């Protein structure tokens, strides 16, 4: 089985939300994500887009899973990687979506996130 999702968002839209509210930041981004983003709106927007893409690949959208259960971390070279927890991890296992690959890009004030999962 293969599942995929994609999302695109205006960086300034996420920037306004991040600047406006600690509640928003804490509801959507883990402490590790916030530390990595360190006020960088493009990084926040890219993570938002990936979270939406992962939720789409899971077939639920955000709601059955929470924002914080979908976490984008970076390896030692800066490559984004996915960590699932809670209901997102359970749903991924139930759907036999075992291996995930994600990608983030930014251009001209937009951020895009792409996620693909396979069973092998």
Protein backbone atom coordinates (compact mmCIF):
# COMPACT_ATOMS: atom_id res chain seq x y z
CA UNK A 1 0.00 0.00 0.00
CA UNK A 2 1.10 3.55 -0.73
CA UNK A 3 -0.47 6.68 0.73
CA UNK A 4 0.46 10.28 0.02
CA UNK A 5 -0.58 13.78 0.96
CA UNK A 6 0.43 17.30 0.01
CA UNK A 7 -0.33 20.75 1.38
CA UNK A 8 0.65 24.30 0.51
CA UNK A 9 0.27 27.40 2.67
CA UNK A 10 1.23 31.06 2.59
CA UNK A 11 4.18 31.66 4.92
CA UNK A 12 2.77 34.99 6.12
CA UNK A 13 -0.46 33.30 7.25
CA UNK A 14 1.47 31.00 9.58
CA UNK A 15 3.79 33.84 10.62
CA UNK A 16 0.82 35.94 11.80
CA UNK A 17 -0.60 33.04 13.82
CA UNK A 18 2.77 32.22 15.40
CA UNK A 19 3.42 35.87 16.32
CA UNK A 20 -0.09 36.39 17.66
CA UNK A 21 -0.37 33.51 20.08
CA UNK A 22 1.71 31.23 22.28
CA UNK A 23 -1.42 29.07 22.48
CA UNK A 24 -1.31 28.50 18.72
CA UNK A 25 2.40 27.62 18.78
CA UNK A 26 1.95 25.21 21.70
CA UNK A 27 -1.15 23.55 20.17
CA UNK A 28 0.45 22.96 16.76
CA UNK A 29 4.22 22.64 17.28
CA UNK A 30 6.17 20.50 19.73
CA UNK A 31 8.84 22.06 21.93
CA UNK A 32 11.52 20.51 19.69
CA UNK A 33 9.90 21.99 16.56
CA UNK A 34 9.62 25.41 18.19
CA UNK A 35 13.28 25.32 19.21
CA UNK A 36 14.31 24.39 15.66
CA UNK A 37 12.11 27.04 14.03
CA UNK A 38 13.28 29.74 16.47
CA UNK A 39 10.97 32.39 14.99
CA UNK A 40 11.66 31.45 11.35
CA UNK A 41 8.27 31.69 9.63
CA UNK A 42 9.32 29.55 6.65
CA UNK A 43 10.29 26.71 8.96
CA UNK A 44 7.00 26.93 10.85
CA UNK A 45 5.00 27.04 7.61
CA UNK A 46 6.85 24.05 6.18
CA UNK A 47 6.13 22.01 9.27
CA UNK A 48 2.46 23.05 9.18
CA UNK A 49 2.23 21.90 5.56
CA UNK A 50 3.88 18.54 6.32
CA UNK A 51 1.53 17.94 9.26
CA UNK A 52 -1.44 18.57 6.97
CA UNK A 53 0.07 16.30 4.30
CA UNK A 54 0.62 13.48 6.79
CA UNK A 55 -2.95 13.77 8.09
CA UNK A 56 -4.20 13.54 4.49
CA UNK A 57 -2.03 10.48 3.84
CA UNK A 58 -3.52 8.89 6.97
CA UNK A 59 -6.93 9.51 5.42
CA UNK A 60 -8.29 11.51 8.33
CA UNK A 61 -7.17 15.08 8.17
CA UNK A 62 -6.35 16.76 11.46
CA UNK A 63 -9.08 15.98 13.96
CA UNK A 64 -8.74 12.23 14.42
CA UNK A 65 -5.09 12.93 15.14
CA UNK A 66 -3.61 15.99 16.80
CA UNK A 67 -0.99 18.41 15.52
CA UNK A 68 1.44 17.40 18.24
CA UNK A 69 1.23 13.70 17.30
CA UNK A 70 2.79 14.55 13.93
CA UNK A 71 6.29 15.88 14.53
CA UNK A 72 8.91 17.01 12.03
CA UNK A 73 12.47 16.62 13.24
CA UNK A 74 15.75 16.91 11.37
CA UNK A 75 18.57 14.42 11.10
CA UNK A 76 22.18 15.47 11.66
CA UNK A 77 22.37 16.89 8.12
CA UNK A 78 19.11 18.84 8.37
CA UNK A 79 16.93 16.39 6.40
CA UNK A 80 13.35 16.51 7.69
CA UNK A 81 12.07 13.28 9.17
CA UNK A 82 8.73 12.27 10.62
CA UNK A 83 7.97 11.08 14.13
CA UNK A 84 4.44 9.91 14.92
CA UNK A 85 3.00 9.37 18.39
CA UNK A 86 -0.37 8.75 20.00
CA UNK A 87 -3.37 8.25 17.71
CA UNK A 88 -1.30 9.14 14.62
CA UNK A 89 1.13 6.29 15.32
CA UNK A 90 -1.73 3.87 16.04
CA UNK A 91 -3.57 4.82 12.85
CA UNK A 92 -0.39 4.54 10.79
CA UNK A 93 0.21 1.03 12.16
CA UNK A 94 -3.43 0.00 11.62
CA UNK A 95 -3.17 1.08 7.98
CA UNK A 96 0.18 -0.71 7.70
CA UNK A 97 1.89 2.56 6.76
CA UNK A 98 5.29 1.65 8.13
CA UNK A 99 7.78 3.82 6.24
CA UNK A 100 7.37 7.54 5.76
CA UNK A 101 9.21 10.07 3.63
CA UNK A 102 8.56 13.79 3.85
CA UNK A 103 9.76 16.83 1.97
CA UNK A 104 9.45 20.57 2.54
CA UNK A 105 10.03 23.46 0.12
CA UNK A 106 9.62 27.24 0.29
CA UNK A 107 9.40 29.74 -2.54
CA UNK A 108 7.90 33.15 -3.18
CA UNK A 109 6.14 33.34 0.18
CA UNK A 110 4.68 29.83 0.01
CA UNK A 111 5.60 26.61 1.79
CA UNK A 112 4.74 23.11 0.61
CA UNK A 113 4.86 19.84 2.47
CA UNK A 114 4.70 16.39 0.92
CA UNK A 115 4.38 13.04 2.65
CA UNK A 116 4.39 9.52 1.28
CA UNK A 117 4.03 6.28 3.26
CA UNK A 118 4.48 2.67 2.22
CA UNK A 119 3.97 -0.74 3.75
CA UNK A 120 7.44 -1.97 2.82
